[in-house]
Amino acid sequence: MTYEQVKSLKSEDFKRLCGIRPETFNQMLEVVRCLRRAAPTPSQSKQKTGRPSKLTLEDQLLMTLEYWREYRTYFHIGQSR
């Protein structure tokens, strides 16, 4: 399931799926967004390499929370999407 499919769930169902309430999810998402926008420190001055992610930031966070909640492999979580 993608975040677009999950965000319309009731609060109890959302928590059952990923272990946190939607309000907490949104707070976590804001923290991650702020960290991505923050200016790099001298130790982080290297330019990112590699392929850009196909998943949105919301989907990445949701996938991580599902992994932590169920301890399924990323392969299995990816197959359920």
C-alpha atoms as a PDB file:
ATOM      1  CA  MET A   1       0.000   0.000   0.000  1.00  0.00           C
ATOM      2  CA  THR A   2       1.190   3.492  -0.749  1.00  0.00           C
ATOM      3  CA  TYR A   3       0.768   6.481   1.515  1.00  0.00           C
ATOM      4  CA  GLU A   4      -1.964   7.796  -0.795  1.00  0.00           C
ATOM      5  CA  GLN A   5      -3.972   4.638  -0.091  1.00  0.00           C
ATOM      6  CA  VAL A   6      -3.210   4.600   3.631  1.00  0.00           C
ATOM      7  CA  LYS A   7      -3.773   8.243   4.529  1.00  0.00           C
ATOM      8  CA  SER A   8      -7.557   7.865   4.293  1.00  0.00           C
ATOM      9  CA  LEU A   9      -7.656   5.071   6.890  1.00  0.00           C
ATOM     10  CA  LYS A  10      -9.180   5.703  10.290  1.00  0.00           C
ATOM     11  CA  SER A  11      -6.649   6.606  12.977  1.00  0.00           C
ATOM     12  CA  GLU A  12      -6.983   3.202  14.667  1.00  0.00           C
ATOM     13  CA  ASP A  13      -6.436   1.332  11.385  1.00  0.00           C
ATOM     14  CA  PHE A  14      -3.454   3.511  10.483  1.00  0.00           C
ATOM     15  CA  LYS A  15      -1.891   2.758  13.861  1.00  0.00           C
ATOM     16  CA  ARG A  16      -2.604  -0.934  13.427  1.00  0.00           C
ATOM     17  CA  LEU A  17      -0.801  -0.904  10.081  1.00  0.00           C
ATOM     18  CA  CYS A  18       2.387   0.956  10.996  1.00  0.00           C
ATOM     19  CA  GLY A  19       2.390   1.305  14.779  1.00  0.00           C
ATOM     20  CA  ILE A  20       1.915   5.059  15.123  1.00  0.00           C
ATOM     21  CA  ARG A  21      -0.962   7.504  14.809  1.00  0.00           C
ATOM     22  CA  PRO A  22      -1.289   9.649  11.672  1.00  0.00           C
ATOM     23  CA  GLU A  23      -0.433  12.776  13.683  1.00  0.00           C
ATOM     24  CA  THR A  24       2.858  11.213  14.767  1.00  0.00           C
ATOM     25  CA  PHE A  25       3.532  10.129  11.185  1.00  0.00           C
ATOM     26  CA  ASN A  26       3.068  13.710   9.988  1.00  0.00           C
ATOM     27  CA  GLN A  27       5.410  15.011  12.697  1.00  0.00           C
ATOM     28  CA  MET A  28       8.053  12.451  11.735  1.00  0.00           C
ATOM     29  CA  LEU A  29       7.630  13.412   8.083  1.00  0.00           C
ATOM     30  CA  GLU A  30       8.226  17.082   8.897  1.00  0.00           C
ATOM     31  CA  VAL A  31      11.417  16.222  10.803  1.00  0.00           C
ATOM     32  CA  VAL A  32      12.728  14.195   7.853  1.00  0.00           C
ATOM     33  CA  ARG A  33      11.841  16.990   5.422  1.00  0.00           C
ATOM     34  CA  CYS A  34      13.637  19.556   7.588  1.00  0.00           C
ATOM     35  CA  LEU A  35      16.729  17.359   7.757  1.00  0.00           C
ATOM     36  CA  ARG A  36      16.754  16.964   3.990  1.00  0.00           C
ATOM     37  CA  ARG A  37      16.524  20.734   3.484  1.00  0.00           C
ATOM     38  CA  ALA A  38      19.150  21.575   6.094  1.00  0.00           C
ATOM     39  CA  ALA A  39      22.452  22.900   4.871  1.00  0.00           C
ATOM     40  CA  PRO A  40      25.139  20.216   4.828  1.00  0.00           C
ATOM     41  CA  THR A  41      27.872  20.345   7.429  1.00  0.00           C
ATOM     42  CA  PRO A  42      31.513  20.200   6.313  1.00  0.00           C
ATOM     43  CA  SER A  43      31.587  16.447   6.943  1.00  0.00           C
ATOM     44  CA  GLN A  44      28.503  16.019   4.718  1.00  0.00           C
ATOM     45  CA  SER A  45      29.778  18.159   1.846  1.00  0.00           C
ATOM     46  CA  LYS A  46      30.021  15.205  -0.541  1.00  0.00           C
ATOM     47  CA  GLN A  47      27.544  15.254  -3.385  1.00  0.00           C
ATOM     48  CA  LYS A  48      24.996  12.442  -3.379  1.00  0.00           C
ATOM     49  CA  THR A  49      25.575   9.778  -5.974  1.00  0.00           C
ATOM     50  CA  GLY A  50      23.404   6.984  -7.249  1.00  0.00           C
ATOM     51  CA  ARG A  51      19.976   6.677  -8.666  1.00  0.00           C
ATOM     52  CA  PRO A  52      17.206   8.935  -7.337  1.00  0.00           C
ATOM     53  CA  SER A  53      14.523   7.169  -5.330  1.00  0.00           C
ATOM     54  CA  LYS A  54      11.309   6.183  -7.070  1.00  0.00           C
ATOM     55  CA  LEU A  55       9.431   6.319  -3.780  1.00  0.00           C
ATOM     56  CA  THR A  56       8.103   9.523  -2.287  1.00  0.00           C
ATOM     57  CA  LEU A  57       9.353  10.559   1.122  1.00  0.00           C
ATOM     58  CA  GLU A  58       5.962   9.563   2.578  1.00  0.00           C
ATOM     59  CA  ASP A  59       6.216   6.079   1.062  1.00  0.00           C
ATOM     60  CA  GLN A  60       9.798   5.677   2.301  1.00  0.00           C
ATOM     61  CA  LEU A  61       8.759   6.545   5.849  1.00  0.00           C
ATOM     62  CA  LEU A  62       5.710   4.282   5.685  1.00  0.00           C
ATOM     63  CA  MET A  63       7.822   1.415   4.372  1.00  0.00           C
ATOM     64  CA  THR A  64      10.357   1.890   7.176  1.00  0.00           C
ATOM     65  CA  LEU A  65       7.638   1.912   9.824  1.00  0.00           C
ATOM     66  CA  GLU A  66       6.058  -1.230   8.363  1.00  0.00           C
ATOM     67  CA  TYR A  67       9.468  -2.905   8.442  1.00  0.00           C
ATOM     68  CA  TRP A  68      10.044  -1.971  12.079  1.00  0.00           C
ATOM     69  CA  ARG A  69       6.538  -3.089  13.030  1.00  0.00           C
ATOM     70  CA  GLU A  70       6.477  -6.461  11.272  1.00  0.00           C
ATOM     71  CA  TYR A  71      10.173  -7.268  10.616  1.00  0.00           C
ATOM     72  CA  ARG A  72       9.293  -8.382   7.114  1.00  0.00           C
ATOM     73  CA  THR A  73      11.999  -8.030   4.507  1.00  0.00           C
ATOM     74  CA  TYR A  74      11.921  -5.045   2.176  1.00  0.00           C
ATOM     75  CA  PHE A  75      11.382  -7.522  -0.647  1.00  0.00           C
ATOM     76  CA  HIS A  76       8.137  -8.729   0.906  1.00  0.00           C
ATOM     77  CA  ILE A  77       6.977  -5.226   1.750  1.00  0.00           C
ATOM     78  CA  GLY A  78       7.712  -4.174  -1.843  1.00  0.00           C
ATOM     79  CA  GLN A  79       5.684  -7.087  -3.193  1.00  0.00           C
ATOM     80  CA  SER A  80       2.658  -5.964  -1.180  1.00  0.00           C
ATOM     81  CA  ARG A  81       2.695  -2.525  -2.866  1.00  0.00           C
END
